[in-house]
């Protein structure tokens, strides 16, 4: 089972995006867990051992720090449009492509 982290600001919007990704994964029968973490939760990253870390816009400046914490994880920036429209299927499809 793949582990996906949505990293950015925690709140209702981020949780809704994560839920849309979970729903898309269920529809596509793609086994994964989706977590929402903030930058104050960085110590939890190693414990989760994620396969993919999705940055919510505009967190791209933190790539180097996160790569040091989780060197084996794939880091992806979510598209602003997909994030704003909570397009869980498109976000999940990009995750799947990045893990091939």
Foldseek 3Di string as FASTA:
>chain_A
DAEEEEEADDDDLSVLLQVLLVVLCVVVVNDYDYYYYYPVCLVCCVVRLHQEYEYEPPPVVCVVVSCVSRVNHHYYYDDNVCSVVSVNNVVNVVVVVSND
